[in-house]
Amino acid sequence: MSRRRAVPGPPTVPEYVSELQPDRYRDAAAGYLERHPDDTFWAAMAVWRAFLVERQTWLRSHGVPRRVDGRDRFGTPLPPVAWVQETFGTPQARWPS
């Protein structure tokens, strides 16, 4: 009798891929705020974009589908506006119109 080979399951998704951890992208916010010191909203968007790019790259390189049965497995977090305000002392965000 031959034994079946074990088929490896999907890789375990690290926490930094499944959850937004703004401290990981501090440099993205700092770089944006150097050019635009009072723009809290777009600094938060820089952090958000960096997270989404890293997550997408990791998922693709490991062959993990983001959508299963038409539903998003991870969801999309909101940009960390409050974190930018607390961390860098920027003014309250002015939402673009």
Protein backbone atom coordinates (compact mmCIF):
# COMPACT_ATOMS: atom_id res chain seq x y z
CA MET A 1 0.00 0.00 0.00
CA SER A 2 1.20 3.44 -0.77
CA ARG A 3 0.78 6.24 1.68
CA ARG A 4 -0.74 9.54 0.65
CA ARG A 5 1.55 12.49 0.88
CA ALA A 6 0.49 15.25 3.19
CA VAL A 7 -0.71 18.28 1.27
CA PRO A 8 0.46 21.51 2.86
CA GLY A 9 -2.36 23.80 3.93
CA PRO A 10 -2.49 27.52 3.36
CA PRO A 11 0.22 29.50 5.14
CA THR A 12 -0.62 31.13 8.43
CA VAL A 13 -1.30 34.79 7.79
CA PRO A 14 0.90 36.96 10.02
CA GLU A 15 -0.77 39.59 12.16
CA TYR A 16 0.78 42.49 10.25
CA VAL A 17 -1.02 41.25 7.11
CA SER A 18 -4.43 40.72 8.70
CA GLU A 19 -4.48 43.87 10.88
CA LEU A 20 -3.30 47.42 10.31
CA GLN A 21 -0.43 48.17 12.67
CA PRO A 22 0.32 51.87 12.12
CA ASP A 23 3.63 51.86 14.03
CA ARG A 24 5.01 49.57 11.34
CA TYR A 25 4.49 52.36 8.76
CA ARG A 26 5.62 55.31 10.87
CA ASP A 27 8.18 56.29 8.21
CA ALA A 28 5.44 56.68 5.57
CA ALA A 29 3.57 59.18 7.75
CA ALA A 30 6.75 60.98 8.82
CA GLY A 31 7.89 61.33 5.22
CA TYR A 32 4.56 62.79 4.16
CA LEU A 33 4.42 65.16 7.14
CA GLU A 34 7.90 66.49 6.33
CA ARG A 35 6.51 67.79 3.04
CA HIS A 36 3.04 68.73 4.36
CA PRO A 37 3.30 69.36 8.13
CA ASP A 38 -0.39 69.99 8.86
CA ASP A 39 -2.02 67.42 6.59
CA THR A 40 -3.19 64.74 9.02
CA PHE A 41 -5.64 63.07 6.63
CA TRP A 42 -3.17 62.40 3.82
CA ALA A 43 -0.46 61.31 6.25
CA ALA A 44 -2.93 58.69 7.52
CA MET A 45 -3.67 57.74 3.91
CA ALA A 46 0.07 57.21 3.32
CA VAL A 47 0.13 54.73 6.22
CA TRP A 48 -3.03 53.05 4.93
CA ARG A 49 -1.66 52.71 1.40
CA ALA A 50 1.65 51.28 2.67
CA PHE A 51 -0.29 48.68 4.65
CA LEU A 52 -2.49 47.71 1.70
CA VAL A 53 0.50 47.37 -0.65
CA GLU A 54 2.42 45.20 1.84
CA ARG A 55 -0.65 43.03 2.48
CA GLN A 56 -1.37 42.59 -1.22
CA THR A 57 2.25 41.68 -1.92
CA TRP A 58 2.32 39.10 0.86
CA LEU A 59 -0.99 37.52 -0.16
CA ARG A 60 0.06 37.24 -3.80
CA SER A 61 3.51 35.84 -3.04
CA HIS A 62 1.98 33.15 -0.79
CA GLY A 63 -0.94 32.38 -3.08
CA VAL A 64 -3.57 33.27 -0.48
CA PRO A 65 -6.80 34.53 -2.05
CA ARG A 66 -8.15 37.69 -0.50
CA ARG A 67 -11.70 36.86 -1.51
CA VAL A 68 -13.37 33.56 -0.75
CA ASP A 69 -16.82 32.87 -2.17
CA GLY A 70 -17.03 36.51 -3.23
CA ARG A 71 -16.44 37.80 0.31
CA ASP A 72 -13.41 39.71 1.51
CA ARG A 73 -11.55 37.63 4.11
CA PHE A 74 -9.79 40.50 5.84
CA GLY A 75 -11.88 43.63 5.33
CA THR A 76 -10.32 47.02 4.78
CA PRO A 77 -9.51 49.12 7.84
CA LEU A 78 -10.02 52.85 7.95
CA PRO A 79 -6.99 55.15 7.64
CA PRO A 80 -5.45 55.70 11.11
CA VAL A 81 -6.20 59.42 11.40
CA ALA A 82 -6.36 59.44 15.23
CA TRP A 83 -3.02 57.58 15.42
CA VAL A 84 -1.34 60.23 13.23
CA GLN A 85 -2.76 63.00 15.42
CA GLU A 86 -1.61 61.35 18.65
CA THR A 87 1.79 60.27 17.37
CA PHE A 88 2.85 63.41 15.50
CA GLY A 89 0.72 66.07 17.23
CA THR A 90 -0.90 67.21 14.00
CA PRO A 91 -4.15 69.19 13.93
CA GLN A 92 -7.55 67.60 13.52
CA ALA A 93 -7.96 66.18 10.02
CA ARG A 94 -9.61 68.28 7.36
CA TRP A 95 -11.50 65.90 5.12
CA PRO A 96 -11.03 66.55 1.42
CA SER A 97 -14.09 67.88 -0.34
